[in-house]
Amino acid sequence: MNKIILWSVTAALAGFLFGFDTVVISGADKQLQLLWKSSDAFHGSVVMAMALWGTVVGALFGGIPTNRIGRKNTLIIIGGLYLLSSLGSALANDPYTFAFFRFIGGLGVGASTIAAPAYVSEIAPAKSRGRLVSLYQFNIVLGILIAFISNYLLRNTGPDSWRWMMGVEAFPALIYLVFAFNLPKSPRWLISRKQVESARAVLKVINPGKDPEQLIEEIRQGSGANRTGETIFIKKYRFPLILAFLIAMFNQLSGINAFLYYAPRIFEEAGLAQNTALLSSVGIGLVNLLFTLLGVMLIDRLGRKTLLLYGSFGYIISLSMVTAAFYFGWGGYSVPLSLFLFIASHAIGQGAVIWVYISEIFPNHLRSSGQAFGSSVHWVLAAIIPSLIPMLFGAIGAWPVFMFFTVMMLIQLLFVWLVMPETKGISLEDIQARLKMPRRRST
């Protein structure tokens, strides 16, 4: 079991680098815009958002290497992409080179959302699979927290402190890459490639008390996927498709990625000094980590729908407070405290639910296609919305932006309450049967 934990933690480190890479840019945000004298539109859409466009491409096409060359080899490539991105971004001397290397890192982020959870789920025993797979989500928020702390500690390293902020990611990327080379290949992928002897050796470690021949036969039978020629876009699956689209859409229309990217700028807009803004960002990362743990603990007890209802109420309250603070010019710590509530609401609600729910609502033979669809919607919006923030703040101010996010969360509350079915404690096959016909209200 110790080896399985080590392998799972190693794969989950791809999530740590995901979180770190996504947020580390927030500390360099204003420095880079001043250094290269970029317009708000160029800075937001090219310098800041290019990593997210890389994530979109990585999520769309990451399944290809994951299936063709295997989960392990894909994880190794992902480590190389992170390492290359961090060093290239730190050494860049113009916004185009910087954006290119950020795009490379984004490819790693997008591909990791496919390869890492798939790898862990395929090496984990059934009794501990949920706990081990959740290490990936935990590492994402841990990476976010460490990125905020790193930015704060490196803020006074000179006029080019942004280079240190971006380059420090090379250290965890290198550590991850070294450990990834020592991972075994997924037994399920090995069997799909007819490498049965290698698969048998791994299965003996994963399930020492079970007959490996029986496990191999079960995997062979399970891999006989239902190839009916169906797609997620036929009328039969319209309801789960709508659910996946709306869950992913509302996740980003909360403003979460815009906030994570521009946390120090938002705090400075609220009147905090630069050092205090960076320190408040560390607090955001800590709250995110703690409430993600709480969400993971509660998701199978309270259910997905209940957590999203709690999260929606928290969104509405916190975003309304932020909107009012900017509109009325409230100073002090009203904005940071409100946004602490916002990030807690996200972590326990959408943050804990989105990937679990999307993976549950599609039938077995279309699950990967459904997940790819939901992930693509999520990442496209995650690229578009942050790219607009500098321009919107400059053109209309902060309070209309947060008012928009508040209205979107009111609509999410109605969607969750009236439309979204609960999936807690229901088998995947029963969920499939229940979602053939849409319902106005779940029971």
Protein backbone atom coordinates (compact mmCIF):
# COMPACT_ATOMS: atom_id res chain seq x y z
CA MET A 1 0.00 0.00 0.00
CA ASN A 2 2.91 2.35 0.68
CA LYS A 3 3.99 2.08 -2.95
CA ILE A 4 0.47 2.87 -4.18
CA ILE A 5 0.36 5.98 -1.98
CA LEU A 6 3.77 7.07 -3.29
CA TRP A 7 2.68 6.57 -6.91
CA SER A 8 -0.60 8.41 -6.29
CA VAL A 9 1.14 11.32 -4.60
CA THR A 10 3.64 11.51 -7.46
CA ALA A 11 0.88 11.69 -10.08
CA ALA A 12 -1.03 14.17 -7.92
CA LEU A 13 2.01 16.48 -7.98
CA ALA A 14 0.93 17.29 -11.53
CA GLY A 15 -2.04 18.93 -9.80
CA PHE A 16 0.28 20.88 -7.51
CA LEU A 17 2.09 22.27 -10.55
CA PHE A 18 -1.30 22.95 -12.16
CA GLY A 19 -2.34 25.13 -9.22
CA PHE A 20 1.05 26.79 -8.89
CA ASP A 21 1.37 27.55 -12.60
CA THR A 22 -2.16 28.97 -12.79
CA VAL A 23 -1.77 31.46 -9.95
CA VAL A 24 1.93 32.40 -9.90
CA ILE A 25 1.31 34.90 -12.71
CA SER A 26 -0.82 37.03 -10.33
CA GLY A 27 2.31 38.27 -8.52
CA ALA A 28 3.91 39.40 -11.79
CA ASP A 29 0.74 40.88 -13.28
CA LYS A 30 1.26 44.64 -12.82
CA GLN A 31 5.06 44.48 -13.07
CA LEU A 32 4.83 42.95 -16.54
CA GLN A 33 2.26 45.46 -17.77
CA LEU A 34 4.43 48.37 -16.62
CA LEU A 35 7.64 46.77 -17.95
CA TRP A 36 6.30 46.19 -21.46
CA LYS A 37 3.91 49.17 -21.45
CA SER A 38 1.08 46.93 -22.63
CA SER A 39 -2.48 48.11 -23.13
CA ASP A 40 -5.11 46.56 -20.87
CA ALA A 41 -6.53 44.59 -23.81
CA PHE A 42 -3.13 43.18 -24.92
CA HIS A 43 -2.00 42.48 -21.37
CA GLY A 44 -5.17 40.63 -20.45
CA SER A 45 -5.69 38.68 -23.68
CA VAL A 46 -2.06 37.80 -24.51
CA VAL A 47 0.29 38.08 -21.53
CA MET A 48 -2.10 36.91 -18.82
CA ALA A 49 -4.47 34.58 -20.68
CA MET A 50 -2.08 32.69 -22.97
CA ALA A 51 -1.52 29.93 -20.39
CA LEU A 52 -5.26 29.37 -20.23
CA TRP A 53 -5.48 29.03 -24.01
CA GLY A 54 -2.72 26.44 -23.74
CA THR A 55 -4.85 24.70 -21.11
CA VAL A 56 -7.78 24.61 -23.53
CA VAL A 57 -5.61 22.95 -26.20
CA GLY A 58 -4.10 20.55 -23.65
CA ALA A 59 -7.55 19.54 -22.38
CA LEU A 60 -8.91 19.07 -25.90
CA PHE A 61 -6.04 16.91 -27.16
CA GLY A 62 -4.46 15.51 -23.97
CA GLY A 63 -6.45 12.30 -24.30
CA ILE A 64 -4.54 11.38 -27.47
CA PRO A 65 -1.08 10.84 -25.89
CA THR A 66 -2.72 9.51 -22.71
CA ASN A 67 -4.23 6.67 -24.74
CA ARG A 68 -1.50 6.17 -27.35
CA ILE A 69 1.74 6.34 -25.35
CA GLY A 70 0.26 5.70 -21.92
CA ARG A 71 -0.50 7.56 -18.73
CA LYS A 72 3.05 7.36 -17.33
CA ASN A 73 4.76 8.68 -20.45
CA THR A 74 2.21 11.47 -20.73
CA LEU A 75 2.85 12.45 -17.10
CA ILE A 76 6.58 12.60 -17.86
CA ILE A 77 5.96 14.86 -20.85
CA ILE A 78 3.75 17.06 -18.68
CA GLY A 79 6.62 17.46 -16.20
CA GLY A 80 8.90 18.50 -19.06
CA LEU A 81 6.36 21.07 -20.25
CA TYR A 82 6.13 22.60 -16.76
CA LEU A 83 9.92 22.77 -16.46
CA LEU A 84 10.36 24.33 -19.90
CA SER A 85 7.57 26.84 -19.27
CA SER A 86 8.92 28.04 -15.93
CA LEU A 87 12.47 28.56 -17.19
CA GLY A 88 11.39 30.12 -20.49
CA SER A 89 8.95 32.51 -18.82
CA ALA A 90 11.55 33.62 -16.28
CA LEU A 91 14.14 34.36 -18.98
CA ALA A 92 11.79 36.04 -21.49
CA ASN A 93 12.63 39.59 -22.58
CA ASP A 94 9.47 40.46 -24.48
CA PRO A 95 5.75 39.76 -24.05
CA TYR A 96 5.52 37.42 -27.06
CA THR A 97 8.25 35.07 -25.83
CA PHE A 98 6.76 35.20 -22.36
CA ALA A 99 3.29 34.35 -23.72
CA PHE A 100 4.72 31.46 -25.77
CA PHE A 101 6.30 29.78 -22.76
CA ARG A 102 3.17 30.39 -20.68
CA PHE A 103 1.23 28.62 -23.44
CA ILE A 104 3.61 25.64 -23.11
CA GLY A 105 2.84 25.47 -19.39
CA GLY A 106 -0.86 25.64 -20.17
CA LEU A 107 -0.54 22.55 -22.37
CA GLY A 108 0.81 20.72 -19.32
CA VAL A 109 -2.05 21.94 -17.14
CA GLY A 110 -4.73 20.84 -19.62
CA ALA A 111 -3.20 17.43 -20.26
CA SER A 112 -2.70 16.82 -16.54
CA THR A 113 -6.47 17.10 -15.93
CA ILE A 114 -6.84 13.98 -18.06
CA ALA A 115 -3.69 11.92 -17.44
CA ALA A 116 -3.21 12.29 -13.67
CA PRO A 117 -6.74 11.36 -12.48
CA ALA A 118 -6.87 8.54 -15.04
CA TYR A 119 -3.54 7.14 -13.83
CA VAL A 120 -4.44 7.25 -10.13
CA SER A 121 -7.88 5.72 -10.68
CA GLU A 122 -6.30 2.83 -12.61
CA ILE A 123 -3.65 1.94 -10.04
CA ALA A 124 -5.76 2.46 -6.90
CA PRO A 125 -7.62 -0.39 -5.17
CA ALA A 126 -11.39 0.10 -5.25
CA LYS A 127 -11.66 0.59 -1.48
CA SER A 128 -9.31 3.61 -1.49
CA ARG A 129 -9.75 4.95 -5.03
CA GLY A 130 -11.83 7.99 -4.09
CA ARG A 131 -9.41 9.12 -1.40
CA LEU A 132 -6.37 8.66 -3.63
CA VAL A 133 -7.89 10.34 -6.69
CA SER A 134 -8.90 13.32 -4.51
CA LEU A 135 -5.20 13.92 -3.85
CA TYR A 136 -5.10 15.57 -7.30
CA GLN A 137 -7.70 18.20 -6.34
CA PHE A 138 -6.02 18.74 -2.96
CA ASN A 139 -2.69 19.32 -4.68
CA ILE A 140 -4.24 21.89 -7.02
CA VAL A 141 -5.31 24.12 -4.14
CA LEU A 142 -2.05 23.42 -2.29
CA GLY A 143 -0.17 24.63 -5.37
CA ILE A 144 -2.33 27.78 -5.42
CA LEU A 145 -1.50 28.49 -1.77
CA ILE A 146 2.25 27.91 -2.25
CA ALA A 147 2.23 30.17 -5.32
CA PHE A 148 0.68 33.01 -3.29
CA ILE A 149 3.23 32.48 -0.49
CA SER A 150 6.09 32.33 -3.00
CA ASN A 151 5.00 35.57 -4.65
CA TYR A 152 4.87 37.30 -1.27
CA LEU A 153 8.31 36.07 -0.20
CA LEU A 154 9.92 37.01 -3.54
CA ARG A 155 8.31 40.45 -3.86
CA ASN A 156 11.48 42.33 -2.76
CA THR A 157 14.08 40.44 -4.77
CA GLY A 158 14.79 43.43 -7.02
CA PRO A 159 13.29 45.24 -10.00
CA ASP A 160 12.95 41.94 -11.85
CA SER A 161 11.33 40.06 -8.98
CA TRP A 162 8.79 38.69 -11.46
CA ARG A 163 11.55 36.53 -12.98
CA TRP A 164 12.10 34.81 -9.65
CA MET A 165 8.36 34.41 -9.17
CA MET A 166 8.01 32.67 -12.52
CA GLY A 167 11.28 30.69 -12.39
CA VAL A 168 10.89 29.16 -8.93
CA GLU A 169 8.37 26.69 -10.39
CA ALA A 170 11.30 24.90 -12.02
CA PHE A 171 12.27 23.34 -8.66
CA PRO A 172 9.00 21.43 -7.97
CA ALA A 173 8.74 20.66 -11.71
CA LEU A 174 12.17 19.01 -11.66
CA ILE A 175 11.34 17.03 -8.51
CA TYR A 176 8.07 15.85 -10.05
CA LEU A 177 9.81 14.89 -13.29
CA VAL A 178 12.39 12.74 -11.47
CA PHE A 179 9.69 10.90 -9.50
CA ALA A 180 7.50 10.45 -12.61
CA PHE A 181 10.23 8.40 -14.30
CA ASN A 182 9.93 5.88 -11.43
CA LEU A 183 6.18 5.37 -11.82
CA PRO A 184 4.99 1.99 -13.10
CA LYS A 185 2.76 1.98 -16.15
CA SER A 186 -0.98 1.64 -15.64
CA PRO A 187 -1.94 -2.05 -15.66
CA ARG A 188 -5.14 -1.28 -17.56
CA TRP A 189 -3.23 0.57 -20.27
CA LEU A 190 -0.69 -2.27 -20.44
CA ILE A 191 -3.45 -4.83 -20.93
CA SER A 192 -5.00 -2.69 -23.67
CA ARG A 193 -1.58 -2.87 -25.39
CA LYS A 194 -1.34 -6.66 -24.81
CA GLN A 195 1.61 -6.27 -22.40
CA VAL A 196 0.09 -8.77 -19.99
CA GLU A 197 3.29 -9.80 -18.17
CA SER A 198 4.09 -6.21 -17.20
CA ALA A 199 0.49 -5.65 -16.13
CA ARG A 200 0.55 -8.79 -13.99
CA ALA A 201 3.59 -7.51 -12.06
CA VAL A 202 1.89 -4.20 -11.26
CA LEU A 203 -1.40 -5.89 -10.29
CA LYS A 204 0.41 -8.08 -7.78
CA VAL A 205 1.58 -4.92 -5.99
CA ILE A 206 -1.78 -3.15 -6.21
CA ASN A 207 -3.90 -6.13 -5.11
CA PRO A 208 -1.58 -8.55 -3.29
CA GLY A 209 -4.44 -10.62 -1.90
CA LYS A 210 -6.18 -11.25 -5.22
CA ASP A 211 -5.51 -13.61 -8.09
CA PRO A 212 -3.86 -11.49 -10.82
CA GLU A 213 -5.26 -13.76 -13.54
CA GLN A 214 -8.79 -13.06 -12.36
CA LEU A 215 -8.07 -9.31 -12.28
CA ILE A 216 -6.62 -9.43 -15.80
CA GLU A 217 -9.73 -11.19 -17.07
CA GLU A 218 -12.00 -8.64 -15.35
CA ILE A 219 -10.05 -5.77 -16.92
CA ARG A 220 -10.23 -7.43 -20.33
CA GLN A 221 -14.00 -7.80 -20.02
CA GLY A 222 -14.38 -4.23 -18.78
CA SER A 223 -12.33 -2.86 -21.65
CA GLY A 224 -14.80 -4.26 -24.12
CA ALA A 225 -16.32 -0.77 -24.43
CA ASN A 226 -19.83 -0.33 -25.75
CA ARG A 227 -19.20 0.94 -29.26
CA THR A 228 -22.70 1.82 -30.48
CA GLY A 229 -21.76 4.76 -32.68
CA GLU A 230 -23.55 7.07 -30.25
CA THR A 231 -22.25 10.51 -29.34
CA ILE A 232 -23.05 12.84 -26.46
CA PHE A 233 -24.79 15.18 -28.91
CA ILE A 234 -27.75 12.98 -29.83
CA LYS A 235 -31.19 13.81 -28.42
CA LYS A 236 -31.08 10.90 -25.98
CA TYR A 237 -28.27 12.54 -24.00
CA ARG A 238 -29.40 16.15 -24.27
CA PHE A 239 -30.17 16.52 -20.57
CA PRO A 240 -26.77 15.36 -19.21
CA LEU A 241 -25.11 17.47 -21.93
CA ILE A 242 -27.02 20.55 -20.71
CA LEU A 243 -26.11 19.74 -17.11
CA ALA A 244 -22.40 19.47 -17.96
CA PHE A 245 -22.50 22.70 -19.95
CA LEU A 246 -24.25 24.68 -17.19
CA ILE A 247 -22.11 23.32 -14.35
CA ALA A 248 -18.92 24.24 -16.25
CA MET A 249 -20.31 27.61 -17.37
CA PHE A 250 -21.43 28.71 -13.90
CA ASN A 251 -18.10 27.59 -12.44
CA GLN A 252 -16.35 30.32 -14.43
CA LEU A 253 -19.17 32.90 -14.35
CA SER A 254 -18.63 33.04 -10.61
CA GLY A 255 -15.43 34.93 -11.46
CA ILE A 256 -13.16 32.41 -9.74
CA ASN A 257 -10.35 32.33 -12.29
CA ALA A 258 -10.53 36.08 -12.83
CA PHE A 259 -10.13 36.51 -9.11
CA LEU A 260 -7.26 34.02 -8.73
CA TYR A 261 -5.36 35.65 -11.59
CA TYR A 262 -5.87 39.21 -10.40
CA ALA A 263 -6.15 38.90 -6.61
CA PRO A 264 -3.36 41.43 -5.82
CA ARG A 265 -4.76 43.89 -8.42
CA ILE A 266 -8.27 43.59 -6.95
CA PHE A 267 -6.96 44.24 -3.46
CA GLU A 268 -5.01 47.26 -4.69
CA GLU A 269 -8.14 48.53 -6.46
CA ALA A 270 -9.80 48.34 -3.04
CA GLY A 271 -7.10 50.60 -1.57
CA LEU A 272 -4.66 48.15 0.00
CA ALA A 273 -0.92 48.67 -0.34
CA GLN A 274 0.99 46.32 -2.64
CA ASN A 275 2.62 44.29 0.14
CA THR A 276 -0.67 43.99 2.02
CA ALA A 277 -2.41 42.92 -1.21
CA LEU A 278 0.10 40.12 -1.75
CA LEU A 279 -0.24 39.00 1.87
CA SER A 280 -4.04 38.97 1.56
CA SER A 281 -3.59 36.70 -1.46
CA VAL A 282 -1.79 34.20 0.80
CA GLY A 283 -4.85 34.23 3.07
CA ILE A 284 -7.03 33.44 0.06
CA GLY A 285 -4.87 30.42 -0.75
CA LEU A 286 -5.10 29.14 2.82
CA VAL A 287 -8.89 29.50 2.94
CA ASN A 288 -9.11 27.72 -0.42
CA LEU A 289 -7.07 24.80 0.91
CA LEU A 290 -9.04 24.39 4.15
CA PHE A 291 -12.48 24.56 2.56
CA THR A 292 -11.47 22.24 -0.27
CA LEU A 293 -10.63 19.64 2.38
CA LEU A 294 -14.02 20.26 3.98
CA GLY A 295 -15.78 19.89 0.63
CA VAL A 296 -14.01 16.59 -0.10
CA MET A 297 -15.08 15.30 3.34
CA LEU A 298 -18.73 16.33 2.87
CA ILE A 299 -19.44 15.56 -0.79
CA ASP A 300 -20.48 11.94 -0.15
CA ARG A 301 -22.30 12.81 3.08
CA LEU A 302 -24.38 15.84 2.10
CA GLY A 303 -24.43 15.34 -1.66
CA ARG A 304 -23.42 17.34 -4.71
CA LYS A 305 -26.63 19.39 -4.92
CA THR A 306 -26.53 20.41 -1.24
CA LEU A 307 -22.92 21.60 -1.49
CA LEU A 308 -23.73 23.65 -4.60
CA LEU A 309 -26.72 25.23 -2.83
CA TYR A 310 -24.50 26.22 0.11
CA GLY A 311 -21.87 27.49 -2.29
CA SER A 312 -24.41 29.52 -4.28
CA PHE A 313 -25.68 31.32 -1.17
CA GLY A 314 -22.09 32.05 -0.16
CA TYR A 315 -21.29 33.36 -3.64
CA ILE A 316 -24.29 35.70 -3.64
CA ILE A 317 -23.56 37.12 -0.19
CA SER A 318 -19.82 37.60 -0.75
CA LEU A 319 -20.05 39.00 -4.28
CA SER A 320 -22.82 41.39 -3.22
CA MET A 321 -20.57 42.66 -0.42
CA VAL A 322 -17.64 43.13 -2.82
CA THR A 323 -19.88 44.98 -5.29
CA ALA A 324 -21.13 47.29 -2.54
CA ALA A 325 -17.60 47.88 -1.24
CA PHE A 326 -16.38 49.07 -4.63
CA TYR A 327 -19.57 51.06 -5.37
CA PHE A 328 -19.61 52.92 -2.06
CA GLY A 329 -15.83 53.14 -1.72
CA TRP A 330 -15.58 51.21 1.52
CA GLY A 331 -11.95 50.96 2.57
CA GLY A 332 -9.97 48.75 4.91
CA TYR A 333 -10.40 45.02 4.79
CA SER A 334 -14.03 44.81 3.65
CA VAL A 335 -13.02 43.53 0.19
CA PRO A 336 -10.46 40.92 1.40
CA LEU A 337 -12.88 39.58 4.03
CA SER A 338 -15.70 39.36 1.49
CA LEU A 339 -13.46 37.58 -0.97
CA PHE A 340 -12.34 35.15 1.75
CA LEU A 341 -16.02 34.18 2.04
CA PHE A 342 -16.19 33.97 -1.77
CA ILE A 343 -13.26 31.56 -2.05
CA ALA A 344 -14.61 29.43 0.83
CA SER A 345 -17.97 29.22 -0.96
CA HIS A 346 -16.27 28.17 -4.18
CA ALA A 347 -14.01 25.59 -2.54
CA ILE A 348 -16.83 23.83 -0.70
CA GLY A 349 -19.26 24.12 -3.64
CA GLN A 350 -18.19 24.31 -7.28
CA GLY A 351 -14.56 23.49 -6.51
CA ALA A 352 -15.49 20.21 -4.84
CA VAL A 353 -18.37 19.24 -7.13
CA ILE A 354 -17.64 20.09 -10.77
CA TRP A 355 -15.29 17.28 -11.81
CA VAL A 356 -17.10 14.66 -9.75
CA TYR A 357 -20.52 15.57 -11.14
CA ILE A 358 -19.49 15.75 -14.79
CA SER A 359 -17.87 12.32 -14.50
CA GLU A 360 -21.11 10.82 -13.10
CA ILE A 361 -23.83 12.02 -15.47
CA PHE A 362 -22.73 10.40 -18.75
CA PRO A 363 -23.09 6.69 -19.57
CA ASN A 364 -20.03 4.48 -19.36
CA HIS A 365 -19.26 4.35 -23.08
CA LEU A 366 -19.51 8.15 -23.42
CA ARG A 367 -17.99 9.24 -20.13
CA SER A 368 -14.65 10.38 -21.55
CA SER A 369 -16.39 12.34 -24.32
CA GLY A 370 -18.70 13.97 -21.79
CA GLN A 371 -15.82 14.89 -19.53
CA ALA A 372 -13.91 16.35 -22.46
CA PHE A 373 -16.95 18.45 -23.39
CA GLY A 374 -17.45 19.79 -19.86
CA SER A 375 -13.72 20.42 -19.43
CA SER A 376 -13.55 22.29 -22.74
CA VAL A 377 -16.46 24.57 -21.80
CA HIS A 378 -14.77 25.24 -18.46
CA TRP A 379 -11.34 26.06 -19.91
CA VAL A 380 -12.58 28.17 -22.82
CA LEU A 381 -14.46 30.41 -20.39
CA ALA A 382 -11.49 30.30 -18.02
CA ALA A 383 -9.39 31.76 -20.82
CA ILE A 384 -11.89 34.39 -22.00
CA ILE A 385 -13.06 35.86 -18.70
CA PRO A 386 -9.66 36.66 -17.09
CA SER A 387 -8.46 38.16 -20.37
CA LEU A 388 -11.25 40.76 -20.15
CA ILE A 389 -10.68 41.82 -16.53
CA PRO A 390 -7.98 44.54 -16.98
CA MET A 391 -9.95 46.09 -19.84
CA LEU A 392 -13.26 45.97 -17.95
CA PHE A 393 -11.76 47.38 -14.75
CA GLY A 394 -10.31 50.25 -16.78
CA ALA A 395 -13.45 50.90 -18.86
CA ILE A 396 -16.36 50.48 -16.43
CA GLY A 397 -14.76 49.97 -13.02
CA ALA A 398 -14.75 47.04 -10.61
CA TRP A 399 -18.26 47.14 -9.15
CA PRO A 400 -20.19 46.42 -12.41
CA VAL A 401 -17.95 43.39 -13.00
CA PHE A 402 -18.70 41.95 -9.56
CA MET A 403 -22.38 42.81 -9.97
CA PHE A 404 -22.43 40.68 -13.14
CA PHE A 405 -20.85 37.75 -11.29
CA THR A 406 -23.46 38.18 -8.51
CA VAL A 407 -26.36 37.98 -10.97
CA MET A 408 -24.87 34.87 -12.56
CA MET A 409 -24.73 33.18 -9.16
CA LEU A 410 -28.39 34.03 -8.53
CA ILE A 411 -29.16 32.19 -11.77
CA GLN A 412 -26.94 29.29 -10.66
CA LEU A 413 -28.92 29.03 -7.42
CA LEU A 414 -32.16 28.67 -9.39
CA PHE A 415 -30.56 26.09 -11.71
CA VAL A 416 -29.29 23.96 -8.82
CA TRP A 417 -32.56 24.20 -6.90
CA LEU A 418 -35.00 23.59 -9.78
CA VAL A 419 -33.11 21.54 -12.38
CA MET A 420 -30.03 19.76 -11.05
CA PRO A 421 -30.60 16.12 -9.97
CA GLU A 422 -28.74 14.70 -6.98
CA THR A 423 -26.31 11.85 -7.71
CA LYS A 424 -25.13 11.00 -4.19
CA GLY A 425 -25.31 7.31 -3.36
CA ILE A 426 -26.71 6.33 -6.79
CA SER A 427 -24.96 3.87 -9.07
CA LEU A 428 -23.69 5.18 -12.39
CA GLU A 429 -26.14 2.94 -14.23
CA ASP A 430 -29.11 4.26 -12.20
CA ILE A 431 -27.97 7.83 -12.86
CA GLN A 432 -27.89 7.07 -16.58
CA ALA A 433 -31.47 5.72 -16.43
CA ARG A 434 -32.74 8.70 -14.44
CA LEU A 435 -31.23 11.28 -16.79
CA LYS A 436 -32.86 9.94 -19.93
CA MET A 437 -35.78 12.29 -19.25
CA PRO A 438 -35.18 15.81 -17.88
CA ARG A 439 -36.94 16.79 -14.68
CA ARG A 440 -37.91 20.17 -13.36
CA ARG A 441 -37.01 19.28 -9.79
CA SER A 442 -34.87 16.47 -8.38
CA THR A 443 -36.26 14.22 -5.72
